[in-house]
Structure formats: C-alpha cells, structure tokens
Amino acid sequence: MTLDDYRTHLEFAIGVPFTDGNRVVPLKNGDEIFPAMLAAIRAASSHLEFSHTFTGRGLLPGSLLTPWLRKPARASA
C-alpha cells in the first residue's frame, strides 16, 4: 500500500480529509509511536489537535500524561 492509498483509506474511515500542508508518517508499535507523539506534543507552539486510538492490553504508563500537564492549555481564539 502506498502512502497515497493509506491517506485515501484513512480519510474514508474517519470521514475527514487531511489538511494540505500536513504530513503523514506511518508508525508501528509503541517503540515508534510514543516517542514521536511526545515530541510533537512538546514541539507544539500554538495549538494541538490530537486523536489516538489505543488498542493494546493493559494501562498506559502515567509518564505519557506528563507532557500534557507540563504545557499549559491555551484556548483557541
């Protein structure tokens, strides 16, 4: 499956088209997903739109919530 195929399938599945200018990087498993996700959260400068589905077993470690708590929430104007 090409990246364009992936984009088409994902847009159909969630019912929302991708925003031009954004990039998609397919990641596998927690070893790739969580470091990239936390880096993106820390790098956010104005706002963050976030959606993630966790389908694994067990609980997420509390350390995954820490970046959310360190960065103050900002209201959208």
C-alpha atoms as a PDB file:
ATOM      1  CA  MET A   1       0.000   0.000   0.000  1.00  0.00           C
ATOM      2  CA  THR A   2       1.387   3.393  -0.950  1.00  0.00           C
ATOM      3  CA  LEU A   3       1.186   6.458   1.282  1.00  0.00           C
ATOM      4  CA  ASP A   4      -1.466   7.922  -1.051  1.00  0.00           C
ATOM      5  CA  ASP A   5      -3.526   4.719  -0.684  1.00  0.00           C
ATOM      6  CA  TYR A   6      -3.153   4.928   3.086  1.00  0.00           C
ATOM      7  CA  ARG A   7      -4.309   8.549   3.051  1.00  0.00           C
ATOM      8  CA  THR A   8      -7.351   7.727   0.906  1.00  0.00           C
ATOM      9  CA  HIS A   9      -8.369   4.832   3.159  1.00  0.00           C
ATOM     10  CA  LEU A  10      -7.859   6.840   6.336  1.00  0.00           C
ATOM     11  CA  GLU A  11      -9.831   9.830   5.036  1.00  0.00           C
ATOM     12  CA  PHE A  12     -12.683   7.480   4.127  1.00  0.00           C
ATOM     13  CA  ALA A  13     -12.563   5.703   7.500  1.00  0.00           C
ATOM     14  CA  ILE A  14     -12.651   8.856   9.644  1.00  0.00           C
ATOM     15  CA  GLY A  15     -14.783  10.923   7.269  1.00  0.00           C
ATOM     16  CA  VAL A  16     -12.441  13.916   7.338  1.00  0.00           C
ATOM     17  CA  PRO A  17      -9.985  14.926   4.602  1.00  0.00           C
ATOM     18  CA  PHE A  18      -6.383  15.622   5.503  1.00  0.00           C
ATOM     19  CA  THR A  19      -5.382  19.262   5.703  1.00  0.00           C
ATOM     20  CA  ASP A  20      -2.984  20.278   2.939  1.00  0.00           C
ATOM     21  CA  GLY A  21       0.489  21.017   4.223  1.00  0.00           C
ATOM     22  CA  ASN A  22       0.355  18.398   6.972  1.00  0.00           C
ATOM     23  CA  ARG A  23       2.422  15.270   6.703  1.00  0.00           C
ATOM     24  CA  VAL A  24       1.627  11.670   7.459  1.00  0.00           C
ATOM     25  CA  VAL A  25       4.219   9.327   8.900  1.00  0.00           C
ATOM     26  CA  PRO A  26       3.004   5.765   9.449  1.00  0.00           C
ATOM     27  CA  LEU A  27       4.464   4.421  12.692  1.00  0.00           C
ATOM     28  CA  LYS A  28       4.319   0.912  14.124  1.00  0.00           C
ATOM     29  CA  ASN A  29       4.099  -0.161  17.732  1.00  0.00           C
ATOM     30  CA  GLY A  30       4.846   1.846  20.835  1.00  0.00           C
ATOM     31  CA  ASP A  31       8.579   1.993  20.194  1.00  0.00           C
ATOM     32  CA  GLU A  32       7.910   4.262  17.199  1.00  0.00           C
ATOM     33  CA  ILE A  33       4.564   5.808  18.135  1.00  0.00           C
ATOM     34  CA  PHE A  34       5.072   7.162  21.644  1.00  0.00           C
ATOM     35  CA  PRO A  35       8.429   8.967  21.209  1.00  0.00           C
ATOM     36  CA  ALA A  36       7.122  10.676  18.040  1.00  0.00           C
ATOM     37  CA  MET A  37       3.828  11.570  19.720  1.00  0.00           C
ATOM     38  CA  LEU A  38       5.523  13.051  22.789  1.00  0.00           C
ATOM     39  CA  ALA A  39       7.998  15.009  20.637  1.00  0.00           C
ATOM     40  CA  ALA A  40       5.095  16.500  18.660  1.00  0.00           C
ATOM     41  CA  ILE A  41       3.280  17.463  21.871  1.00  0.00           C
ATOM     42  CA  ARG A  42       6.392  19.160  23.261  1.00  0.00           C
ATOM     43  CA  ALA A  43       7.015  20.986  19.966  1.00  0.00           C
ATOM     44  CA  ALA A  44       3.500  22.426  19.654  1.00  0.00           C
ATOM     45  CA  SER A  45       3.717  26.212  19.626  1.00  0.00           C
ATOM     46  CA  SER A  46       0.155  27.389  19.124  1.00  0.00           C
ATOM     47  CA  HIS A  47      -2.322  24.525  19.276  1.00  0.00           C
ATOM     48  CA  LEU A  48      -2.627  20.796  19.172  1.00  0.00           C
ATOM     49  CA  GLU A  49      -5.339  18.673  17.608  1.00  0.00           C
ATOM     50  CA  PHE A  50      -4.881  15.144  18.791  1.00  0.00           C
ATOM     51  CA  SER A  51      -6.571  11.837  18.126  1.00  0.00           C
ATOM     52  CA  HIS A  52      -5.213   8.460  19.091  1.00  0.00           C
ATOM     53  CA  THR A  53      -6.759   5.050  19.484  1.00  0.00           C
ATOM     54  CA  PHE A  54      -5.092   2.668  21.895  1.00  0.00           C
ATOM     55  CA  THR A  55      -5.935  -0.954  21.171  1.00  0.00           C
ATOM     56  CA  GLY A  56      -3.382  -2.739  23.308  1.00  0.00           C
ATOM     57  CA  ARG A  57      -3.775  -4.569  26.573  1.00  0.00           C
ATOM     58  CA  GLY A  58      -3.111  -3.049  29.949  1.00  0.00           C
ATOM     59  CA  LEU A  59      -2.764   0.520  31.105  1.00  0.00           C
ATOM     60  CA  LEU A  60      -0.797   3.332  29.551  1.00  0.00           C
ATOM     61  CA  PRO A  61       2.050   4.461  31.793  1.00  0.00           C
ATOM     62  CA  GLY A  62       1.474   7.711  33.664  1.00  0.00           C
ATOM     63  CA  SER A  63       4.592   9.147  32.020  1.00  0.00           C
ATOM     64  CA  LEU A  64       2.582   9.533  28.815  1.00  0.00           C
ATOM     65  CA  LEU A  65       0.384  12.119  30.526  1.00  0.00           C
ATOM     66  CA  THR A  66       3.281  14.168  31.875  1.00  0.00           C
ATOM     67  CA  PRO A  67       3.845  16.260  28.691  1.00  0.00           C
ATOM     68  CA  TRP A  68       0.167  17.266  28.716  1.00  0.00           C
ATOM     69  CA  LEU A  69       0.500  18.502  32.267  1.00  0.00           C
ATOM     70  CA  ARG A  70       3.771  20.380  31.716  1.00  0.00           C
ATOM     71  CA  LYS A  71       2.476  22.521  28.864  1.00  0.00           C
ATOM     72  CA  PRO A  72      -0.278  24.983  29.846  1.00  0.00           C
ATOM     73  CA  ALA A  73      -3.523  24.698  27.938  1.00  0.00           C
ATOM     74  CA  ARG A  74      -4.299  27.556  25.588  1.00  0.00           C
ATOM     75  CA  ALA A  75      -7.786  28.487  24.476  1.00  0.00           C
ATOM     76  CA  SER A  76      -8.457  28.751  20.757  1.00  0.00           C
ATOM     77  CA  ALA A  77      -9.397  32.219  19.567  1.00  0.00           C
END
